[in-house]
N, C-alpha and C. Protein backbone atom coordinates (compact mmCIF):
# COMPACT_ATOMS: atom_id res chain seq x y z
N MET A 1 -28.28 32.41 -31.51
CA MET A 1 -27.35 31.14 -32.18
C MET A 1 -25.89 31.63 -31.66
N THR A 2 -25.34 32.93 -31.59
CA THR A 2 -24.11 33.02 -31.22
C THR A 2 -23.68 32.18 -29.51
N LYS A 3 -25.04 32.68 -28.74
CA LYS A 3 -24.78 31.79 -27.38
C LYS A 3 -24.88 30.49 -27.38
N PHE A 4 -25.51 29.63 -28.35
CA PHE A 4 -25.55 28.59 -28.56
C PHE A 4 -24.23 28.02 -28.93
N LEU A 5 -23.59 28.57 -29.97
CA LEU A 5 -22.45 28.00 -30.34
C LEU A 5 -21.17 28.37 -29.25
N PHE A 6 -21.20 29.40 -28.56
CA PHE A 6 -20.46 29.64 -27.38
C PHE A 6 -20.42 28.28 -26.42
N CYS A 7 -21.43 28.09 -26.00
CA CYS A 7 -22.00 27.35 -24.89
C CYS A 7 -21.23 25.81 -25.75
N ALA A 8 -21.72 25.31 -26.72
CA ALA A 8 -21.24 24.16 -27.62
C ALA A 8 -19.65 24.04 -27.31
N ILE A 9 -18.96 25.01 -27.72
CA ILE A 9 -17.58 25.30 -27.92
C ILE A 9 -17.24 25.08 -26.16
N ALA A 10 -17.79 25.87 -25.58
CA ALA A 10 -17.20 25.61 -24.08
C ALA A 10 -17.49 24.00 -23.26
N VAL A 11 -18.39 23.42 -24.07
CA VAL A 11 -18.50 22.07 -23.32
C VAL A 11 -17.75 21.04 -24.20
N LEU A 12 -17.49 21.27 -25.49
CA LEU A 12 -16.44 20.70 -26.13
C LEU A 12 -15.20 20.77 -25.63
N LEU A 13 -14.64 22.21 -25.12
CA LEU A 13 -13.49 22.21 -24.37
C LEU A 13 -13.35 21.47 -23.17
N LEU A 14 -14.35 21.52 -22.36
CA LEU A 14 -14.17 21.04 -21.18
C LEU A 14 -14.56 19.35 -21.20
N LEU A 15 -15.08 19.19 -22.17
CA LEU A 15 -15.18 17.53 -22.15
C LEU A 15 -13.85 16.76 -22.77
N SER A 16 -12.73 17.83 -23.66
CA SER A 16 -11.56 17.40 -24.30
C SER A 16 -10.78 17.36 -22.75
N GLY A 17 -10.87 18.45 -22.05
CA GLY A 17 -10.15 18.39 -20.82
C GLY A 17 -10.35 17.43 -20.11
N VAL A 18 -11.19 16.59 -19.59
CA VAL A 18 -11.77 15.72 -18.81
C VAL A 18 -11.33 14.57 -19.37
N ALA A 19 -11.57 14.19 -20.78
CA ALA A 19 -10.81 13.09 -21.31
C ALA A 19 -9.58 12.94 -21.42
N HIS A 20 -8.62 14.18 -21.55
CA HIS A 20 -7.16 14.07 -21.67
C HIS A 20 -6.86 13.88 -20.00
N ALA A 21 -7.50 14.43 -19.08
CA ALA A 21 -6.91 13.99 -17.54
C ALA A 21 -7.20 12.53 -17.19
N GLN A 22 -8.36 12.16 -17.79
CA GLN A 22 -8.52 10.44 -17.42
C GLN A 22 -7.17 9.64 -18.40
N LYS A 23 -7.04 10.24 -19.62
CA LYS A 23 -6.29 9.68 -20.48
C LYS A 23 -4.70 9.50 -19.86
N ARG A 24 -4.25 10.63 -19.09
CA ARG A 24 -3.24 10.69 -18.18
C ARG A 24 -3.13 10.13 -16.90
N SER A 25 -4.20 9.50 -16.29
CA SER A 25 -4.23 8.86 -15.25
C SER A 25 -4.41 7.23 -15.65
N LYS A 26 -4.52 6.65 -16.77
CA LYS A 26 -4.28 5.64 -17.32
C LYS A 26 -3.00 4.53 -17.10
N PHE A 27 -3.10 3.57 -16.22
CA PHE A 27 -2.14 2.60 -15.80
C PHE A 27 -2.16 1.34 -16.05
N ASN A 28 -1.47 0.36 -16.30
CA ASN A 28 -1.34 -1.03 -16.38
C ASN A 28 -1.61 -1.66 -14.89
N ARG A 29 -3.14 -1.93 -15.04
CA ARG A 29 -3.32 -2.49 -13.52
C ARG A 29 -2.83 -3.99 -13.19
N ALA A 30 -2.10 -4.72 -14.20
CA ALA A 30 -1.94 -6.16 -13.84
C ALA A 30 -0.01 -5.72 -13.58
N SER A 31 0.35 -4.77 -14.08
CA SER A 31 1.78 -4.39 -13.44
C SER A 31 1.64 -3.61 -12.53
N VAL A 32 0.92 -3.04 -11.95
CA VAL A 32 0.63 -2.09 -10.84
C VAL A 32 0.42 -3.29 -9.63
N GLU A 33 -0.44 -4.02 -9.67
CA GLU A 33 -1.04 -5.10 -9.10
C GLU A 33 0.55 -6.01 -8.39
N ALA A 34 0.96 -6.27 -9.74
CA ALA A 34 2.23 -7.08 -9.30
C ALA A 34 3.37 -6.56 -8.29
N TYR A 35 3.27 -5.14 -8.74
CA TYR A 35 4.37 -4.14 -8.16
C TYR A 35 3.78 -4.13 -6.29
N ILE A 36 2.65 -3.96 -6.17
CA ILE A 36 1.60 -3.85 -4.88
C ILE A 36 2.30 -5.29 -4.37
N ARG A 37 1.97 -6.18 -4.90
CA ARG A 37 2.00 -7.73 -4.06
C ARG A 37 3.70 -7.66 -3.84
N LYS A 38 4.58 -7.64 -4.43
CA LYS A 38 6.01 -7.69 -4.61
C LYS A 38 6.29 -6.94 -3.44
N SER A 39 5.69 -5.86 -3.44
CA SER A 39 6.26 -4.64 -2.46
C SER A 39 5.70 -5.22 -0.72
N ALA A 40 4.26 -5.58 -0.93
CA ALA A 40 3.88 -6.18 0.57
C ALA A 40 4.85 -7.36 0.92
N ALA A 41 5.39 -8.16 -0.34
CA ALA A 41 6.13 -9.54 0.41
C ALA A 41 7.57 -8.89 0.97
N GLN A 42 8.07 -7.93 0.23
CA GLN A 42 9.49 -7.20 0.67
C GLN A 42 9.30 -6.69 1.73
N TRP A 43 8.02 -5.88 2.01
CA TRP A 43 7.61 -5.33 3.56
C TRP A 43 7.67 -6.27 4.64
N ALA A 44 6.88 -7.49 4.20
CA ALA A 44 6.96 -8.52 5.27
C ALA A 44 8.04 -9.12 5.39
N GLU A 45 8.99 -9.47 4.67
CA GLU A 45 10.31 -10.08 4.78
C GLU A 45 11.22 -8.97 5.51
N SER A 46 11.20 -7.71 5.52
CA SER A 46 11.95 -6.95 6.26
C SER A 46 11.90 -7.08 7.82
N VAL A 47 10.89 -7.46 8.26
CA VAL A 47 10.29 -7.86 9.72
C VAL A 47 11.48 -8.27 10.32
N ALA A 48 11.99 -9.53 9.72
CA ALA A 48 12.84 -10.47 9.96
C ALA A 48 14.16 -10.03 9.43
N SER A 49 14.04 -9.32 8.31
CA SER A 49 15.52 -9.02 7.90
C SER A 49 16.39 -7.92 8.34
N GLY A 50 15.44 -6.86 8.55
CA GLY A 50 16.03 -5.73 8.98
C GLY A 50 16.38 -4.64 7.92
N ASP A 51 16.01 -5.06 6.51
CA ASP A 51 16.32 -4.43 5.34
C ASP A 51 15.09 -3.54 4.96
N THR A 52 15.33 -2.12 5.11
CA THR A 52 14.38 -1.17 5.28
C THR A 52 14.30 -0.48 3.38
N LYS A 53 15.16 -0.86 2.60
CA LYS A 53 15.11 -0.28 1.37
C LYS A 53 13.56 0.02 0.61
N ALA A 54 12.88 -1.31 0.96
CA ALA A 54 11.67 -1.31 0.03
C ALA A 54 10.59 -0.51 0.90
N ILE A 55 10.56 -0.60 2.46
CA ILE A 55 9.91 0.39 3.08
C ILE A 55 10.09 1.95 2.53
N GLU A 56 11.44 2.24 2.60
CA GLU A 56 11.79 3.60 2.35
C GLU A 56 11.47 4.09 1.21
N ARG A 57 11.25 3.12 -0.05
CA ARG A 57 10.45 3.23 -1.29
C ARG A 57 9.17 3.50 -1.56
N ILE A 58 8.41 2.54 -0.61
CA ILE A 58 7.07 2.23 -0.84
C ILE A 58 6.27 3.39 0.00
N LEU A 59 6.62 3.65 1.19
CA LEU A 59 6.05 4.64 1.66
C LEU A 59 6.08 6.14 1.69
N ALA A 60 4.68 7.05 1.60
CA ALA A 60 4.69 8.24 0.88
C ALA A 60 5.47 9.02 2.49
N ALA A 61 5.83 10.31 1.94
CA ALA A 61 6.75 11.07 2.92
C ALA A 61 5.53 11.37 4.01
N ASP A 62 4.41 11.52 3.87
CA ASP A 62 3.14 11.74 4.90
C ASP A 62 2.67 10.85 5.12
N PHE A 63 2.84 9.51 4.91
CA PHE A 63 2.62 7.97 5.34
C PHE A 63 1.85 8.29 7.04
N ILE A 64 0.94 7.65 7.34
CA ILE A 64 0.62 7.25 8.67
C ILE A 64 -0.06 6.13 8.78
N GLY A 65 0.25 5.16 9.77
CA GLY A 65 0.08 4.00 9.70
C GLY A 65 -0.73 3.95 11.29
N THR A 66 -1.46 2.67 11.81
CA THR A 66 -1.85 2.17 12.93
C THR A 66 -1.60 1.35 13.39
N ASP A 67 -0.99 0.83 14.52
CA ASP A 67 -0.72 -0.38 15.04
C ASP A 67 -1.56 -1.14 15.36
N PRO A 68 -1.46 -2.53 16.02
CA PRO A 68 -2.22 -3.46 16.30
C PRO A 68 -3.06 -2.45 18.00
N GLU A 69 -1.89 -1.95 18.56
CA GLU A 69 -2.65 -1.34 19.85
C GLU A 69 -3.60 -0.22 19.73
N GLY A 70 -3.87 0.10 18.38
CA GLY A 70 -4.21 1.45 18.28
C GLY A 70 -3.48 2.72 17.96
N ASN A 71 -2.21 2.55 18.09
CA ASN A 71 -1.46 3.59 17.86
C ASN A 71 -1.18 4.23 16.83
N LEU A 72 -0.75 5.41 16.19
CA LEU A 72 -0.32 5.93 15.04
C LEU A 72 1.16 5.89 15.19
N TYR A 73 1.67 5.76 13.63
CA TYR A 73 3.00 5.70 13.33
C TYR A 73 3.29 6.43 12.28
N ASN A 74 4.64 7.01 11.89
CA ASN A 74 4.88 7.66 10.68
C ASN A 74 5.90 6.79 9.93
N LYS A 75 6.55 7.25 8.80
CA LYS A 75 7.74 6.45 7.80
C LYS A 75 8.74 6.07 8.73
N ALA A 76 9.06 7.32 9.66
CA ALA A 76 10.84 7.39 10.37
C ALA A 76 10.42 6.12 11.11
N ALA A 77 9.17 6.34 11.87
CA ALA A 77 9.21 5.19 13.08
C ALA A 77 8.81 3.79 12.60
N ILE A 78 8.52 3.65 11.56
CA ILE A 78 8.29 2.29 11.15
C ILE A 78 9.48 1.41 10.30
N ILE A 79 10.36 2.67 9.75
CA ILE A 79 11.83 2.18 9.41
C ILE A 79 12.50 1.87 10.75
N ALA A 80 12.77 2.80 11.76
CA ALA A 80 13.10 2.36 12.83
C ALA A 80 12.97 0.93 13.57
N TYR A 81 11.59 0.93 13.49
CA TYR A 81 11.27 -0.29 14.26
C TYR A 81 11.72 -1.77 13.23
N ASN A 82 11.46 -1.55 12.09
CA ASN A 82 11.76 -2.77 11.24
C ASN A 82 13.59 -2.90 11.06
N LYS A 83 14.17 -1.75 11.05
CA LYS A 83 15.60 -2.07 11.74
C LYS A 83 16.04 -2.84 12.89
N ASP A 84 15.24 -2.97 13.91
CA ASP A 84 15.32 -3.33 15.14
C ASP A 84 14.64 -4.76 15.03
N ALA A 85 13.36 -4.99 14.30
CA ALA A 85 12.55 -6.09 14.26
C ALA A 85 13.26 -7.51 14.48
N PRO A 86 14.64 -7.87 13.87
CA PRO A 86 15.24 -8.96 13.64
C PRO A 86 15.70 -9.57 15.24
N LYS A 87 15.77 -8.88 16.04
CA LYS A 87 15.95 -9.12 17.34
C LYS A 87 14.72 -10.10 17.87
N TYR A 88 13.45 -9.55 17.50
CA TYR A 88 12.50 -10.35 17.62
C TYR A 88 11.95 -11.61 17.07
N PHE A 89 12.03 -11.13 15.44
CA PHE A 89 11.33 -11.87 14.64
C PHE A 89 12.40 -12.96 13.77
N VAL A 90 12.01 -13.96 13.76
CA VAL A 90 12.56 -15.16 13.14
C VAL A 90 12.22 -14.96 11.62
N SER A 91 10.95 -15.02 11.45
CA SER A 91 10.40 -15.04 9.92
C SER A 91 8.95 -14.22 10.07
N ASN A 92 8.93 -13.77 8.60
CA ASN A 92 7.71 -12.92 8.46
C ASN A 92 7.51 -13.26 7.14
N HIS A 93 6.25 -14.13 6.27
CA HIS A 93 6.18 -14.02 5.01
C HIS A 93 4.65 -13.77 4.55
N LEU A 94 4.64 -12.75 3.53
CA LEU A 94 3.37 -13.02 3.12
C LEU A 94 2.44 -13.99 2.79
N GLU A 95 1.27 -14.09 3.16
CA GLU A 95 0.13 -15.09 2.81
C GLU A 95 -0.26 -14.84 1.70
N ARG A 96 -1.22 -13.98 1.71
CA ARG A 96 -2.03 -13.56 0.66
C ARG A 96 -2.40 -11.84 0.59
N VAL A 97 -2.74 -11.64 -0.56
CA VAL A 97 -3.33 -9.93 -0.58
C VAL A 97 -4.35 -9.93 -1.71
N LYS A 98 -5.24 -9.06 -1.32
CA LYS A 98 -6.35 -8.73 -2.56
C LYS A 98 -6.18 -7.65 -2.95
N ILE A 99 -6.14 -6.95 -3.68
CA ILE A 99 -5.86 -5.56 -4.25
C ILE A 99 -7.19 -5.31 -4.97
N ARG A 100 -7.76 -4.10 -4.80
CA ARG A 100 -8.96 -3.35 -5.75
C ARG A 100 -8.54 -1.87 -5.96
N PHE A 101 -8.97 -1.59 -7.12
CA PHE A 101 -8.60 -0.17 -7.59
C PHE A 101 -9.79 0.66 -7.81
N PHE A 102 -9.70 1.79 -7.31
CA PHE A 102 -10.45 2.98 -7.33
C PHE A 102 -9.91 4.33 -7.96
N GLY A 103 -10.09 4.18 -9.48
CA GLY A 103 -9.28 5.59 -9.81
C GLY A 103 -7.70 5.34 -9.62
N ASN A 104 -7.16 6.28 -8.96
CA ASN A 104 -5.45 6.34 -8.95
C ASN A 104 -5.43 5.93 -7.00
N THR A 105 -6.34 5.19 -6.62
CA THR A 105 -6.02 4.47 -5.28
C THR A 105 -6.17 3.09 -5.58
N ALA A 106 -5.17 2.49 -4.53
CA ALA A 106 -5.50 0.71 -4.69
C ALA A 106 -5.72 0.70 -2.95
N VAL A 107 -6.41 -0.29 -3.01
CA VAL A 107 -6.62 -0.73 -1.35
C VAL A 107 -6.29 -2.14 -1.41
N ALA A 108 -5.19 -2.33 -0.70
CA ALA A 108 -4.61 -3.71 -0.42
C ALA A 108 -4.85 -4.42 0.94
N GLN A 109 -5.41 -5.44 0.82
CA GLN A 109 -5.83 -6.26 2.31
C GLN A 109 -5.17 -7.39 2.09
N GLY A 110 -4.40 -7.80 3.04
CA GLY A 110 -3.77 -9.35 3.27
C GLY A 110 -3.29 -9.81 4.62
N SER A 111 -2.54 -10.80 4.67
CA SER A 111 -1.98 -11.19 6.04
C SER A 111 -0.57 -12.05 5.54
N GLU A 112 -0.03 -11.70 6.79
CA GLU A 112 1.10 -12.17 6.70
C GLU A 112 1.42 -13.28 8.34
N THR A 113 2.30 -14.48 7.80
CA THR A 113 2.39 -15.46 9.14
C THR A 113 3.71 -15.18 9.60
N TRP A 114 4.04 -15.14 11.01
CA TRP A 114 5.30 -14.61 11.64
C TRP A 114 5.69 -15.69 12.50
N GLU A 115 6.82 -15.54 12.77
CA GLU A 115 7.40 -16.63 14.36
C GLU A 115 8.21 -15.41 14.82
N ARG A 116 8.16 -15.48 16.13
CA ARG A 116 8.83 -14.82 16.91
C ARG A 116 10.08 -15.38 17.31
N ARG A 117 11.23 -15.03 17.96
CA ARG A 117 12.27 -15.58 18.46
C ARG A 117 11.74 -16.78 19.39
N ASN A 118 10.88 -15.99 20.55
CA ASN A 118 10.55 -16.85 21.46
C ASN A 118 9.53 -18.09 20.96
N GLY A 119 9.44 -18.27 20.07
CA GLY A 119 8.63 -19.38 19.56
C GLY A 119 7.16 -18.74 19.16
N GLU A 120 6.72 -17.88 19.70
CA GLU A 120 5.43 -17.37 19.27
C GLU A 120 5.09 -17.11 17.88
N ARG A 121 3.85 -17.91 17.43
CA ARG A 121 3.53 -17.42 16.22
C ARG A 121 1.97 -16.84 15.77
N GLY A 122 1.92 -16.32 14.77
CA GLY A 122 0.84 -15.77 14.63
C GLY A 122 0.71 -15.14 12.88
N ARG A 123 -0.41 -14.07 13.03
CA ARG A 123 -0.24 -13.03 11.69
C ARG A 123 -0.60 -11.70 11.76
N PHE A 124 -0.32 -11.18 11.04
CA PHE A 124 -0.55 -9.88 10.83
C PHE A 124 -1.67 -9.86 9.62
N VAL A 125 -2.52 -9.17 9.82
CA VAL A 125 -3.56 -8.95 8.82
C VAL A 125 -3.96 -7.00 8.78
N TRP A 126 -3.62 -6.95 7.67
CA TRP A 126 -3.70 -5.43 7.43
C TRP A 126 -4.24 -4.95 6.13
N THR A 127 -4.73 -3.31 6.33
CA THR A 127 -5.17 -2.96 5.10
C THR A 127 -3.95 -1.77 4.88
N ASP A 128 -3.61 -1.73 3.53
CA ASP A 128 -2.88 -0.36 3.03
C ASP A 128 -3.52 0.23 1.96
N ILE A 129 -3.37 1.36 2.04
CA ILE A 129 -3.87 2.54 1.08
C ILE A 129 -2.81 2.96 -0.06
N TRP A 130 -3.09 2.56 -1.09
CA TRP A 130 -1.89 2.88 -2.48
C TRP A 130 -2.52 4.21 -2.68
N ILE A 131 -1.81 5.28 -3.44
CA ILE A 131 -2.12 6.12 -4.28
C ILE A 131 -1.39 6.23 -5.39
N LEU A 132 -1.59 6.68 -6.53
CA LEU A 132 -0.58 7.01 -7.57
C LEU A 132 -0.39 8.54 -7.25
N ARG A 133 0.65 8.88 -6.73
CA ARG A 133 1.12 10.80 -7.04
C ARG A 133 2.26 10.71 -7.79
N HIS A 134 2.64 11.80 -8.49
CA HIS A 134 3.56 12.22 -9.28
C HIS A 134 4.38 11.01 -9.95
N GLY A 135 3.34 10.11 -10.20
CA GLY A 135 3.97 8.93 -11.15
C GLY A 135 4.33 7.62 -10.68
N ARG A 136 4.30 7.83 -9.12
CA ARG A 136 4.88 6.81 -8.43
C ARG A 136 3.54 5.87 -7.15
N TRP A 137 3.55 4.88 -7.26
CA TRP A 137 2.64 4.21 -6.34
C TRP A 137 3.20 4.17 -5.09
N GLN A 138 2.70 4.63 -4.00
CA GLN A 138 3.11 4.58 -2.64
C GLN A 138 1.69 4.78 -1.61
N ILE A 139 2.22 3.91 -0.31
CA ILE A 139 1.41 3.64 0.80
C ILE A 139 1.17 4.93 1.37
N VAL A 140 -0.23 5.63 1.75
CA VAL A 140 -0.38 6.61 2.34
C VAL A 140 -1.04 6.27 3.63
N ALA A 141 -1.46 5.32 3.92
CA ALA A 141 -1.85 5.01 5.11
C ALA A 141 -2.04 3.50 5.38
N ALA A 142 -1.92 2.61 6.32
CA ALA A 142 -1.94 1.36 6.67
C ALA A 142 -2.51 1.34 8.34
N GLN A 143 -3.09 0.07 8.29
CA GLN A 143 -4.06 -0.30 9.91
C GLN A 143 -3.46 -1.76 9.67
N ASP A 144 -2.92 -2.11 11.15
CA ASP A 144 -2.30 -3.38 11.28
C ASP A 144 -3.16 -4.20 12.38
N LEU A 145 -3.32 -5.41 12.50
CA LEU A 145 -3.66 -6.07 13.30
C LEU A 145 -3.04 -7.59 13.64
N ILE A 146 -2.97 -7.74 14.89
CA ILE A 146 -2.46 -9.32 14.98
C ILE A 146 -3.80 -10.36 15.24
N ALA A 147 -3.33 -11.36 14.60
CA ALA A 147 -4.68 -12.62 14.86
C ALA A 147 -3.79 -13.67 15.09
N ALA A 148 -4.87 -14.59 15.22
CA ALA A 148 -4.09 -16.22 15.35
C ALA A 148 -3.83 -16.54 14.04
N PRO A 149 -2.84 -17.75 14.30
CA PRO A 149 -2.45 -18.32 12.85
C PRO A 149 -3.86 -19.08 12.23
N LEU A 150 -3.36 -19.21 10.87
CA LEU A 150 -4.30 -19.71 10.10
C LEU A 150 -4.66 -21.49 10.47
N PRO A 151 -5.79 -22.01 10.43
CA PRO A 151 -5.69 -23.61 10.76
C PRO A 151 -4.77 -24.16 9.82
N LYS A 152 -4.30 -25.47 9.84
CA LYS A 152 -3.40 -26.09 9.01
C LYS A 152 -4.17 -26.91 8.34
N LYS A 153 -4.27 -26.94 6.69
CA LYS A 153 -5.15 -27.63 6.28
C LYS A 153 -4.74 -29.04 6.00
């Protein structure tokens, strides 16, 4: 009987710890989705504006991205690139984004339409991996590719 009581107490303590951990990781999906959408739009606009405040806020310190040519880049490299990008881009606007949640991770997949100063037009199509870390949602990984513009409707 003592073994049974000890095991029952241990199981109850374990389950209460799991329930407490799950309760702490709860977040408002609608507000997080709105934050991710707004942040994606700000990152897109920064390509033409050179304003890197949003990128500095949303990218984790250990962020790693893959550019359309397959090269890896880190947070410092993309900040430097975006400061210089207005020399090449007239505009860049978020088209669409789909966000899915997996626990404290969000996968955002989207596209942006851009126009370069030489008149060339196209799209960036991307996937960003967001995680909730230390109470903040940040991107830890991204993969980008260049695609043809969508046909006009």
